[in-house]
């Protein structure tokens, strides 16, 4: 899919990558440790992956969550997989802090 911004990223900060997925840092001033875990092949849903791939992908999401909790001590971690605007399988992993711009509302809520 040539128009997909996750298939053809520009200027992304890759924190980690393997053959199946990558972790990128999202450029978000209000949420400086906001990350995405992105499946490398263009698929839309978790059920497009086989069971082994699903387990691998979620293990990466959970490992990232654990690392962010240990390093940053956030008040909460938000995990979200939407894909309505960008239908390419990815998870948002967002450390939340009581003093962030939206807390306790979703990061996409108006300020």
PDB file of N, CA and C in Angstrom:
ATOM      1  N   UNK A   1       0.862  -1.183   0.000  1.00  0.00           N
ATOM      2  CA  UNK A   1       0.000   0.000   0.000  1.00  0.00           C
ATOM      3  C   UNK A   1       0.900   1.235   0.000  1.00  0.00           C
ATOM      4  N   UNK A   2       1.006   1.891  -1.107  1.00  0.00           N
ATOM      5  CA  UNK A   2       1.977   2.970  -1.262  1.00  0.00           C
ATOM      6  C   UNK A   2       1.587   4.265  -0.557  1.00  0.00           C
ATOM      7  N   UNK A   3       0.323   4.481  -0.269  1.00  0.00           N
ATOM      8  CA  UNK A   3      -0.109   5.720   0.379  1.00  0.00           C
ATOM      9  C   UNK A   3      -0.073   5.652   1.905  1.00  0.00           C
ATOM     10  N   UNK A   4       0.192   4.495   2.453  1.00  0.00           N
ATOM     11  CA  UNK A   4       0.161   4.322   3.904  1.00  0.00           C
ATOM     12  C   UNK A   4       1.381   4.980   4.551  1.00  0.00           C
ATOM     13  N   UNK A   5       1.155   5.911   5.489  1.00  0.00           N
ATOM     14  CA  UNK A   5       2.287   6.585   6.136  1.00  0.00           C
ATOM     15  C   UNK A   5       3.115   5.663   7.035  1.00  0.00           C
ATOM     16  N   UNK A   6       2.549   4.532   7.446  1.00  0.00           N
ATOM     17  CA  UNK A   6       3.319   3.605   8.270  1.00  0.00           C
ATOM     18  C   UNK A   6       4.113   2.614   7.421  1.00  0.00           C
ATOM     19  N   UNK A   7       3.698   2.444   6.161  1.00  0.00           N
ATOM     20  CA  UNK A   7       4.474   1.607   5.234  1.00  0.00           C
ATOM     21  C   UNK A   7       5.665   2.376   4.681  1.00  0.00           C
ATOM     22  N   UNK A   8       5.478   3.661   4.468  1.00  0.00           N
ATOM     23  CA  UNK A   8       6.527   4.517   3.901  1.00  0.00           C
ATOM     24  C   UNK A   8       6.759   5.716   4.827  1.00  0.00           C
ATOM     25  N   UNK A   9       7.319   5.444   6.000  1.00  0.00           N
ATOM     26  CA  UNK A   9       7.499   6.535   6.970  1.00  0.00           C
ATOM     27  C   UNK A   9       8.577   7.521   6.534  1.00  0.00           C
ATOM     28  N   UNK A  10       8.397   8.744   6.976  1.00  0.00           N
ATOM     29  CA  UNK A  10       9.394   9.791   6.752  1.00  0.00           C
ATOM     30  C   UNK A  10       9.794  10.372   8.099  1.00  0.00           C
ATOM     31  N   UNK A  11      11.071  10.504   8.308  1.00  0.00           N
ATOM     32  CA  UNK A  11      11.601  11.168   9.507  1.00  0.00           C
ATOM     33  C   UNK A  11      11.112  10.559  10.818  1.00  0.00           C
ATOM     34  N   UNK A  12      11.005   9.246  10.886  1.00  0.00           N
ATOM     35  CA  UNK A  12      10.597   8.654  12.158  1.00  0.00           C
ATOM     36  C   UNK A  12      11.831   8.270  12.971  1.00  0.00           C
ATOM     37  N   UNK A  13      11.671   8.327  14.281  1.00  0.00           N
ATOM     38  CA  UNK A  13      12.738   7.944  15.192  1.00  0.00           C
ATOM     39  C   UNK A  13      12.494   6.505  15.624  1.00  0.00           C
ATOM     40  N   UNK A  14      13.247   5.580  15.068  1.00  0.00           N
ATOM     41  CA  UNK A  14      13.095   4.164  15.392  1.00  0.00           C
ATOM     42  C   UNK A  14      13.932   3.859  16.630  1.00  0.00           C
ATOM     43  N   UNK A  15      13.257   3.375  17.673  1.00  0.00           N
ATOM     44  CA  UNK A  15      13.935   3.026  18.920  1.00  0.00           C
ATOM     45  C   UNK A  15      14.412   1.581  18.919  1.00  0.00           C
ATOM     46  N   UNK A  16      13.691   0.726  18.184  1.00  0.00           N
ATOM     47  CA  UNK A  16      14.003  -0.703  18.146  1.00  0.00           C
ATOM     48  C   UNK A  16      13.294  -1.301  16.940  1.00  0.00           C
ATOM     49  N   UNK A  17      13.881  -2.359  16.394  1.00  0.00           N
ATOM     50  CA  UNK A  17      13.264  -3.005  15.233  1.00  0.00           C
ATOM     51  C   UNK A  17      13.710  -4.467  15.183  1.00  0.00           C
ATOM     52  N   UNK A  18      12.802  -5.320  14.696  1.00  0.00           N
ATOM     53  CA  UNK A  18      13.184  -6.676  14.315  1.00  0.00           C
ATOM     54  C   UNK A  18      12.585  -6.950  12.939  1.00  0.00           C
ATOM     55  N   UNK A  19      12.539  -8.199  12.530  1.00  0.00           N
ATOM     56  CA  UNK A  19      12.037  -8.521  11.190  1.00  0.00           C
ATOM     57  C   UNK A  19      10.533  -8.313  11.047  1.00  0.00           C
ATOM     58  N   UNK A  20       9.809  -8.219  12.170  1.00  0.00           N
ATOM     59  CA  UNK A  20       8.349  -8.174  12.122  1.00  0.00           C
ATOM     60  C   UNK A  20       7.738  -6.832  12.512  1.00  0.00           C
ATOM     61  N   UNK A  21       8.406  -6.106  13.375  1.00  0.00           N
ATOM     62  CA  UNK A  21       7.820  -4.854  13.851  1.00  0.00           C
ATOM     63  C   UNK A  21       8.912  -3.884  14.282  1.00  0.00           C
ATOM     64  N   UNK A  22       8.475  -2.654  14.529  1.00  0.00           N
ATOM     65  CA  UNK A  22       9.403  -1.631  15.000  1.00  0.00           C
ATOM     66  C   UNK A  22       8.711  -0.780  16.062  1.00  0.00           C
ATOM     67  N   UNK A  23       9.523  -0.193  16.931  1.00  0.00           N
ATOM     68  CA  UNK A  23       9.033   0.758  17.926  1.00  0.00           C
ATOM     69  C   UNK A  23       9.544   2.123  17.507  1.00  0.00           C
ATOM     70  N   UNK A  24       8.619   3.082  17.403  1.00  0.00           N
ATOM     71  CA  UNK A  24       9.014   4.440  17.039  1.00  0.00           C
ATOM     72  C   UNK A  24       8.566   5.410  18.123  1.00  0.00           C
ATOM     73  N   UNK A  25       9.340   6.467  18.270  1.00  0.00           N
ATOM     74  CA  UNK A  25       8.992   7.553  19.174  1.00  0.00           C
ATOM     75  C   UNK A  25       8.145   8.546  18.397  1.00  0.00           C
ATOM     76  N   UNK A  26       6.985   8.882  18.946  1.00  0.00           N
ATOM     77  CA  UNK A  26       6.069   9.819  18.299  1.00  0.00           C
ATOM     78  C   UNK A  26       6.472  11.241  18.680  1.00  0.00           C
ATOM     79  N   UNK A  27       6.487  12.125  17.730  1.00  0.00           N
ATOM     80  CA  UNK A  27       6.822  13.531  17.972  1.00  0.00           C
ATOM     81  C   UNK A  27       5.589  14.228  18.541  1.00  0.00           C
ATOM     82  N   UNK A  28       5.469  14.234  19.865  1.00  0.00           N
ATOM     83  CA  UNK A  28       4.305  14.810  20.535  1.00  0.00           C
ATOM     84  C   UNK A  28       4.789  15.569  21.768  1.00  0.00           C
ATOM     85  N   UNK A  29       4.802  16.884  21.692  1.00  0.00           N
ATOM     86  CA  UNK A  29       5.322  17.715  22.782  1.00  0.00           C
ATOM     87  C   UNK A  29       4.547  17.521  24.087  1.00  0.00           C
ATOM     88  N   UNK A  30       3.253  17.232  23.995  1.00  0.00           N
ATOM     89  CA  UNK A  30       2.444  17.036  25.198  1.00  0.00           C
ATOM     90  C   UNK A  30       2.694  15.683  25.857  1.00  0.00           C
ATOM     91  N   UNK A  31       3.202  14.725  25.097  1.00  0.00           N
ATOM     92  CA  UNK A  31       3.427  13.365  25.600  1.00  0.00           C
ATOM     93  C   UNK A  31       4.773  12.879  25.069  1.00  0.00           C
ATOM     94  N   UNK A  32       5.874  13.324  25.681  1.00  0.00           N
ATOM     95  CA  UNK A  32       7.207  13.122  25.111  1.00  0.00           C
ATOM     96  C   UNK A  32       7.682  11.672  25.008  1.00  0.00           C
ATOM     97  N   UNK A  33       7.082  10.744  25.703  1.00  0.00           N
ATOM     98  CA  UNK A  33       7.513   9.344  25.598  1.00  0.00           C
ATOM     99  C   UNK A  33       6.489   8.482  24.860  1.00  0.00           C
ATOM    100  N   UNK A  34       5.591   9.099  24.125  1.00  0.00           N
ATOM    101  CA  UNK A  34       4.561   8.426  23.330  1.00  0.00           C
ATOM    102  C   UNK A  34       5.268   7.581  22.270  1.00  0.00           C
ATOM    103  N   UNK A  35       4.963   6.286  22.252  1.00  0.00           N
ATOM    104  CA  UNK A  35       5.569   5.375  21.274  1.00  0.00           C
ATOM    105  C   UNK A  35       4.491   4.644  20.481  1.00  0.00           C
ATOM    106  N   UNK A  36       4.886   4.154  19.320  1.00  0.00           N
ATOM    107  CA  UNK A  36       4.044   3.261  18.530  1.00  0.00           C
ATOM    108  C   UNK A  36       4.828   1.991  18.262  1.00  0.00           C
ATOM    109  N   UNK A  37       4.131   0.872  18.342  1.00  0.00           N
ATOM    110  CA  UNK A  37       4.684  -0.408  17.907  1.00  0.00           C
ATOM    111  C   UNK A  37       3.962  -0.727  16.606  1.00  0.00           C
ATOM    112  N   UNK A  38       4.718  -0.831  15.523  1.00  0.00           N
ATOM    113  CA  UNK A  38       4.147  -0.923  14.175  1.00  0.00           C
ATOM    114  C   UNK A  38       4.533  -2.250  13.543  1.00  0.00           C
ATOM    115  N   UNK A  39       3.544  -2.975  13.031  1.00  0.00           N
ATOM    116  CA  UNK A  39       3.801  -4.207  12.294  1.00  0.00           C
ATOM    117  C   UNK A  39       4.383  -3.823  10.940  1.00  0.00           C
ATOM    118  N   UNK A  40       5.446  -4.498  10.518  1.00  0.00           N
ATOM    119  CA  UNK A  40       6.154  -4.108   9.295  1.00  0.00           C
ATOM    120  C   UNK A  40       5.340  -4.319   8.017  1.00  0.00           C
ATOM    121  N   UNK A  41       4.587  -5.401   7.939  1.00  0.00           N
ATOM    122  CA  UNK A  41       3.794  -5.695   6.744  1.00  0.00           C
ATOM    123  C   UNK A  41       2.438  -5.012   6.876  1.00  0.00           C
ATOM    124  N   UNK A  42       1.928  -4.480   5.781  1.00  0.00           N
ATOM    125  CA  UNK A  42       0.649  -3.776   5.824  1.00  0.00           C
ATOM    126  C   UNK A  42      -0.513  -4.758   5.994  1.00  0.00           C
ATOM    127  N   UNK A  43      -1.015  -4.822   7.221  1.00  0.00           N
ATOM    128  CA  UNK A  43      -2.250  -5.532   7.544  1.00  0.00           C
ATOM    129  C   UNK A  43      -3.065  -4.594   8.421  1.00  0.00           C
ATOM    130  N   UNK A  44      -4.373  -4.849   8.495  1.00  0.00           N
ATOM    131  CA  UNK A  44      -5.252  -3.946   9.244  1.00  0.00           C
ATOM    132  C   UNK A  44      -5.562  -4.409  10.662  1.00  0.00           C
ATOM    133  N   UNK A  45      -5.687  -5.710  10.857  1.00  0.00           N
ATOM    134  CA  UNK A  45      -6.217  -6.219  12.121  1.00  0.00           C
ATOM    135  C   UNK A  45      -5.287  -7.247  12.749  1.00  0.00           C
ATOM    136  N   UNK A  46      -5.388  -7.392  14.072  1.00  0.00           N
ATOM    137  CA  UNK A  46      -4.614  -8.413  14.776  1.00  0.00           C
ATOM    138  C   UNK A  46      -4.917  -9.801  14.223  1.00  0.00           C
ATOM    139  N   UNK A  47      -6.158 -10.029  13.821  1.00  0.00           N
ATOM    140  CA  UNK A  47      -6.536 -11.344  13.305  1.00  0.00           C
ATOM    141  C   UNK A  47      -6.035 -11.593  11.887  1.00  0.00           C
ATOM    142  N   UNK A  48      -5.387 -10.603  11.278  1.00  0.00           N
ATOM    143  CA  UNK A  48      -4.698 -10.836  10.005  1.00  0.00           C
ATOM    144  C   UNK A  48      -3.371 -11.562  10.236  1.00  0.00           C
ATOM    145  N   UNK A  49      -2.913 -11.577  11.476  1.00  0.00           N
ATOM    146  CA  UNK A  49      -1.674 -12.264  11.840  1.00  0.00           C
ATOM    147  C   UNK A  49      -1.994 -13.682  12.285  1.00  0.00           C
ATOM    148  N   UNK A  50      -1.040 -14.585  12.110  1.00  0.00           N
ATOM    149  CA  UNK A  50      -1.253 -15.917  12.674  1.00  0.00           C
ATOM    150  C   UNK A  50      -0.974 -15.847  14.180  1.00  0.00           C
ATOM    151  N   UNK A  51      -1.280 -16.918  14.874  1.00  0.00           N
ATOM    152  CA  UNK A  51      -1.186 -16.896  16.338  1.00  0.00           C
ATOM    153  C   UNK A  51       0.233 -16.601  16.823  1.00  0.00           C
ATOM    154  N   UNK A  52       1.230 -17.154  16.176  1.00  0.00           N
ATOM    155  CA  UNK A  52       2.623 -16.907  16.559  1.00  0.00           C
ATOM    156  C   UNK A  52       2.975 -15.433  16.388  1.00  0.00           C
ATOM    157  N   UNK A  53       2.535 -14.833  15.289  1.00  0.00           N
ATOM    158  CA  UNK A  53       2.795 -13.409  15.040  1.00  0.00           C
ATOM    159  C   UNK A  53       2.064 -12.532  16.052  1.00  0.00           C
ATOM    160  N   UNK A  54       0.825 -12.899  16.377  1.00  0.00           N
ATOM    161  CA  UNK A  54       0.064 -12.153  17.380  1.00  0.00           C
ATOM    162  C   UNK A  54       0.793 -12.152  18.719  1.00  0.00           C
ATOM    163  N   UNK A  55       1.263 -13.322  19.124  1.00  0.00           N
ATOM    164  CA  UNK A  55       1.966 -13.450  20.407  1.00  0.00           C
ATOM    165  C   UNK A  55       3.260 -12.624  20.392  1.00  0.00           C
ATOM    166  N   UNK A  56       3.976 -12.665  19.293  1.00  0.00           N
ATOM    167  CA  UNK A  56       5.218 -11.898  19.176  1.00  0.00           C
ATOM    168  C   UNK A  56       4.929 -10.396  19.274  1.00  0.00           C
ATOM    169  N   UNK A  57       3.934  -9.950  18.525  1.00  0.00           N
ATOM    170  CA  UNK A  57       3.602  -8.522  18.490  1.00  0.00           C
ATOM    171  C   UNK A  57       3.209  -8.022  19.875  1.00  0.00           C
ATOM    172  N   UNK A  58       2.335  -8.760  20.547  1.00  0.00           N
ATOM    173  CA  UNK A  58       1.894  -8.328  21.868  1.00  0.00           C
ATOM    174  C   UNK A  58       3.020  -8.427  22.896  1.00  0.00           C
ATOM    175  N   UNK A  59       3.924  -9.379  22.737  1.00  0.00           N
ATOM    176  CA  UNK A  59       5.077  -9.451  23.643  1.00  0.00           C
ATOM    177  C   UNK A  59       5.919  -8.184  23.530  1.00  0.00           C
ATOM    178  N   UNK A  60       6.043  -7.643  22.327  1.00  0.00           N
ATOM    179  CA  UNK A  60       6.796  -6.396  22.136  1.00  0.00           C
ATOM    180  C   UNK A  60       6.050  -5.235  22.797  1.00  0.00           C
ATOM    181  N   UNK A  61       4.730  -5.170  22.602  1.00  0.00           N
ATOM    182  CA  UNK A  61       3.923  -4.113  23.233  1.00  0.00           C
ATOM    183  C   UNK A  61       4.087  -4.176  24.754  1.00  0.00           C
ATOM    184  N   UNK A  62       3.975  -5.365  25.330  1.00  0.00           N
ATOM    185  CA  UNK A  62       4.069  -5.507  26.787  1.00  0.00           C
ATOM    186  C   UNK A  62       5.481  -5.231  27.297  1.00  0.00           C
ATOM    187  N   UNK A  63       6.486  -5.605  26.535  1.00  0.00           N
ATOM    188  CA  UNK A  63       7.869  -5.317  26.927  1.00  0.00           C
ATOM    189  C   UNK A  63       8.117  -3.816  26.943  1.00  0.00           C
ATOM    190  N   UNK A  64       7.605  -3.122  25.931  1.00  0.00           N
ATOM    191  CA  UNK A  64       7.731  -1.662  25.894  1.00  0.00           C
ATOM    192  C   UNK A  64       6.995  -1.036  27.069  1.00  0.00           C
ATOM    193  N   UNK A  65       5.776  -1.488  27.331  1.00  0.00           N
ATOM    194  CA  UNK A  65       5.025  -0.949  28.468  1.00  0.00           C
ATOM    195  C   UNK A  65       5.818  -1.122  29.763  1.00  0.00           C
ATOM    196  N   UNK A  66       6.340  -2.315  29.974  1.00  0.00           N
ATOM    197  CA  UNK A  66       7.101  -2.598  31.197  1.00  0.00           C
ATOM    198  C   UNK A  66       8.326  -1.689  31.298  1.00  0.00           C
ATOM    199  N   UNK A  67       9.050  -1.523  30.203  1.00  0.00           N
ATOM    200  CA  UNK A  67      10.251  -0.677  30.208  1.00  0.00           C
ATOM    201  C   UNK A  67       9.902   0.772  30.519  1.00  0.00           C
ATOM    202  N   UNK A  68       8.835   1.283  29.908  1.00  0.00           N
ATOM    203  CA  UNK A  68       8.422   2.666  30.165  1.00  0.00           C
ATOM    204  C   UNK A  68       7.998   2.849  31.620  1.00  0.00           C
ATOM    205  N   UNK A  69       7.307   1.860  32.175  1.00  0.00           N
ATOM    206  CA  UNK A  69       6.906   1.943  33.587  1.00  0.00           C
ATOM    207  C   UNK A  69       8.119   1.983  34.502  1.00  0.00           C
ATOM    208  N   UNK A  70       9.096   1.130  34.216  1.00  0.00           N
ATOM    209  CA  UNK A  70      10.292   1.077  35.059  1.00  0.00           C
ATOM    210  C   UNK A  70      11.126   2.348  34.939  1.00  0.00           C
ATOM    211  N   UNK A  71      11.282   2.852  33.720  1.00  0.00           N
ATOM    212  CA  UNK A  71      12.138   4.020  33.496  1.00  0.00           C
ATOM    213  C   UNK A  71      11.503   5.335  33.922  1.00  0.00           C
ATOM    214  N   UNK A  72      10.216   5.511  33.611  1.00  0.00           N
ATOM    215  CA  UNK A  72       9.576   6.820  33.772  1.00  0.00           C
ATOM    216  C   UNK A  72       8.631   6.927  34.962  1.00  0.00           C
ATOM    217  N   UNK A  73       8.213   5.812  35.519  1.00  0.00           N
ATOM    218  CA  UNK A  73       7.273   5.805  36.657  1.00  0.00           C
ATOM    219  C   UNK A  73       6.016   6.639  36.375  1.00  0.00           C
ATOM    220  N   UNK A  74       5.336   6.403  35.246  1.00  0.00           N
ATOM    221  CA  UNK A  74       4.136   7.183  34.940  1.00  0.00           C
ATOM    222  C   UNK A  74       2.991   6.827  35.885  1.00  0.00           C
ATOM    223  N   UNK A  75       1.998   7.707  35.935  1.00  0.00           N
ATOM    224  CA  UNK A  75       0.806   7.428  36.728  1.00  0.00           C
ATOM    225  C   UNK A  75      -0.047   6.347  36.075  1.00  0.00           C
ATOM    226  N   UNK A  76       0.047   6.237  34.755  1.00  0.00           N
ATOM    227  CA  UNK A  76      -0.744   5.265  33.993  1.00  0.00           C
ATOM    228  C   UNK A  76      -0.070   5.070  32.644  1.00  0.00           C
ATOM    229  N   UNK A  77      -0.291   3.907  32.032  1.00  0.00           N
ATOM    230  CA  UNK A  77       0.116   3.668  30.643  1.00  0.00           C
ATOM    231  C   UNK A  77      -1.162   3.442  29.851  1.00  0.00           C
ATOM    232  N   UNK A  78      -1.328   4.160  28.763  1.00  0.00           N
ATOM    233  CA  UNK A  78      -2.452   3.917  27.856  1.00  0.00           C
ATOM    234  C   UNK A  78      -1.967   3.051  26.706  1.00  0.00           C
ATOM    235  N   UNK A  79      -2.733   2.002  26.410  1.00  0.00           N
ATOM    236  CA  UNK A  79      -2.505   1.158  25.241  1.00  0.00           C
ATOM    237  C   UNK A  79      -3.709   1.317  24.332  1.00  0.00           C
ATOM    238  N   UNK A  80      -3.461   1.569  23.056  1.00  0.00           N
ATOM    239  CA  UNK A  80      -4.577   1.755  22.128  1.00  0.00           C
ATOM    240  C   UNK A  80      -4.207   1.220  20.755  1.00  0.00           C
ATOM    241  N   UNK A  81      -5.170   0.526  20.157  1.00  0.00           N
ATOM    242  CA  UNK A  81      -5.029   0.087  18.773  1.00  0.00           C
ATOM    243  C   UNK A  81      -6.305   0.501  18.066  1.00  0.00           C
ATOM    244  N   UNK A  82      -6.229   1.559  17.293  1.00  0.00           N
ATOM    245  CA  UNK A  82      -7.418   2.097  16.640  1.00  0.00           C
ATOM    246  C   UNK A  82      -7.385   1.802  15.138  1.00  0.00           C
ATOM    247  N   UNK A  83      -6.576   2.516  14.419  1.00  0.00           N
ATOM    248  CA  UNK A  83      -6.442   2.278  12.989  1.00  0.00           C
ATOM    249  C   UNK A  83      -7.545   2.850  12.130  1.00  0.00           C
ATOM    250  N   UNK A  84      -8.400   3.686  12.688  1.00  0.00           N
ATOM    251  CA  UNK A  84      -9.486   4.267  11.894  1.00  0.00           C
ATOM    252  C   UNK A  84      -8.961   5.230  10.841  1.00  0.00           C
ATOM    253  N   UNK A  85      -7.991   6.033  11.192  1.00  0.00           N
ATOM    254  CA  UNK A  85      -7.422   6.998  10.250  1.00  0.00           C
ATOM    255  C   UNK A  85      -6.260   6.412   9.462  1.00  0.00           C
ATOM    256  N   UNK A  86      -5.509   5.522  10.076  1.00  0.00           N
ATOM    257  CA  UNK A  86      -4.382   4.860   9.410  1.00  0.00           C
ATOM    258  C   UNK A  86      -4.568   3.356   9.596  1.00  0.00           C
ATOM    259  N   UNK A  87      -5.223   2.701   8.644  1.00  0.00           N
ATOM    260  CA  UNK A  87      -5.532   1.278   8.797  1.00  0.00           C
ATOM    261  C   UNK A  87      -4.334   0.361   8.535  1.00  0.00           C
ATOM    262  N   UNK A  88      -3.315   0.537   9.341  1.00  0.00           N
ATOM    263  CA  UNK A  88      -2.115  -0.308   9.323  1.00  0.00           C
ATOM    264  C   UNK A  88      -1.911  -0.728  10.768  1.00  0.00           C
ATOM    265  N   UNK A  89      -1.754  -2.003  11.014  1.00  0.00           N
ATOM    266  CA  UNK A  89      -1.694  -2.525  12.376  1.00  0.00           C
ATOM    267  C   UNK A  89      -0.577  -1.873  13.187  1.00  0.00           C
ATOM    268  N   UNK A  90      -0.978  -1.225  14.274  1.00  0.00           N
ATOM    269  CA  UNK A  90      -0.030  -0.603  15.190  1.00  0.00           C
ATOM    270  C   UNK A  90      -0.705  -0.404  16.540  1.00  0.00           C
ATOM    271  N   UNK A  91       0.121  -0.311  17.565  1.00  0.00           N
ATOM    272  CA  UNK A  91      -0.350  -0.030  18.918  1.00  0.00           C
ATOM    273  C   UNK A  91       0.301   1.248  19.412  1.00  0.00           C
ATOM    274  N   UNK A  92      -0.474   2.061  20.086  1.00  0.00           N
ATOM    275  CA  UNK A  92       0.034   3.244  20.772  1.00  0.00           C
ATOM    276  C   UNK A  92       0.348   2.824  22.210  1.00  0.00           C
ATOM    277  N   UNK A  93       1.515   3.180  22.687  1.00  0.00           N
ATOM    278  CA  UNK A  93       1.912   2.912  24.071  1.00  0.00           C
ATOM    279  C   UNK A  93       2.309   4.270  24.649  1.00  0.00           C
ATOM    280  N   UNK A  94       1.455   4.778  25.550  1.00  0.00           N
ATOM    281  CA  UNK A  94       1.566   6.178  25.953  1.00  0.00           C
ATOM    282  C   UNK A  94       1.669   6.299  27.473  1.00  0.00           C
ATOM    283  N   UNK A  95       2.847   6.654  27.979  1.00  0.00           N
ATOM    284  CA  UNK A  95       2.951   6.925  29.412  1.00  0.00           C
ATOM    285  C   UNK A  95       2.159   8.195  29.746  1.00  0.00           C
ATOM    286  N   UNK A  96       1.371   8.119  30.800  1.00  0.00           N
ATOM    287  CA  UNK A  96       0.554   9.258  31.206  1.00  0.00           C
ATOM    288  C   UNK A  96       0.977   9.715  32.590  1.00  0.00           C
ATOM    289  N   UNK A  97       0.939  11.018  32.761  1.00  0.00           N
ATOM    290  CA  UNK A  97       1.335  11.627  34.027  1.00  0.00           C
ATOM    291  C   UNK A  97       0.228  12.566  34.481  1.00  0.00           C
ATOM    292  N   UNK A  98       0.041  12.676  35.787  1.00  0.00           N
ATOM    293  CA  UNK A  98      -1.034  13.501  36.339  1.00  0.00           C
ATOM    294  C   UNK A  98      -0.950  14.943  35.869  1.00  0.00           C
ATOM    295  N   UNK A  99       0.235  15.414  35.502  1.00  0.00           N
ATOM    296  CA  UNK A  99       0.376  16.809  35.065  1.00  0.00           C
ATOM    297  C   UNK A  99       0.462  16.961  33.539  1.00  0.00           C
ATOM    298  N   UNK A 100       0.128  15.896  32.780  1.00  0.00           N
ATOM    299  CA  UNK A 100       0.191  16.065  31.323  1.00  0.00           C
ATOM    300  C   UNK A 100      -1.005  16.873  30.818  1.00  0.00           C
ATOM    301  N   UNK A 101      -0.946  17.316  29.599  1.00  0.00           N
ATOM    302  CA  UNK A 101      -1.909  18.271  29.039  1.00  0.00           C
ATOM    303  C   UNK A 101      -3.349  17.770  29.009  1.00  0.00           C
ATOM    304  N   UNK A 102      -3.563  16.462  29.065  1.00  0.00           N
ATOM    305  CA  UNK A 102      -4.916  15.919  28.928  1.00  0.00           C
ATOM    306  C   UNK A 102      -5.384  15.084  30.117  1.00  0.00           C
ATOM    307  N   UNK A 103      -4.484  14.726  30.997  1.00  0.00           N
ATOM    308  CA  UNK A 103      -4.812  13.781  32.066  1.00  0.00           C
ATOM    309  C   UNK A 103      -5.972  14.278  32.913  1.00  0.00           C
ATOM    310  N   UNK A 104      -6.928  13.438  33.222  1.00  0.00           N
ATOM    311  CA  UNK A 104      -7.035  12.005  32.984  1.00  0.00           C
ATOM    312  C   UNK A 104      -7.754  11.649  31.683  1.00  0.00           C
ATOM    313  N   UNK A 105      -8.057  12.637  30.858  1.00  0.00           N
ATOM    314  CA  UNK A 105      -8.766  12.366  29.604  1.00  0.00           C
ATOM    315  C   UNK A 105      -7.841  11.691  28.588  1.00  0.00           C
ATOM    316  N   UNK A 106      -8.417  11.132  27.518  1.00  0.00           N
ATOM    317  CA  UNK A 106      -7.586  10.526  26.473  1.00  0.00           C
ATOM    318  C   UNK A 106      -6.638  11.557  25.855  1.00  0.00           C
ATOM    319  N   UNK A 107      -5.512  11.090  25.348  1.00  0.00           N
ATOM    320  CA  UNK A 107      -4.530  12.006  24.758  1.00  0.00           C
ATOM    321  C   UNK A 107      -5.092  12.743  23.552  1.00  0.00           C
ATOM    322  N   UNK A 108      -6.118  12.199  22.933  1.00  0.00           N
ATOM    323  CA  UNK A 108      -6.707  12.830  21.750  1.00  0.00           C
ATOM    324  C   UNK A 108      -7.848  13.791  22.100  1.00  0.00           C
ATOM    325  N   UNK A 109      -8.152  13.940  23.384  1.00  0.00           N
ATOM    326  CA  UNK A 109      -9.220  14.857  23.809  1.00  0.00           C
ATOM    327  C   UNK A 109      -8.754  16.305  23.657  1.00  0.00           C
ATOM    328  N   UNK A 110      -9.701  17.226  23.487  1.00  0.00           N
ATOM    329  CA  UNK A 110      -9.305  18.644  23.446  1.00  0.00           C
ATOM    330  C   UNK A 110      -8.679  19.042  24.779  1.00  0.00           C
ATOM    331  N   UNK A 111      -7.747  19.973  24.716  1.00  0.00           N
ATOM    332  CA  UNK A 111      -7.108  20.467  25.951  1.00  0.00           C
ATOM    333  C   UNK A 111      -8.056  21.371  26.694  1.00  0.00           C
TER     334      UNK A 111
END
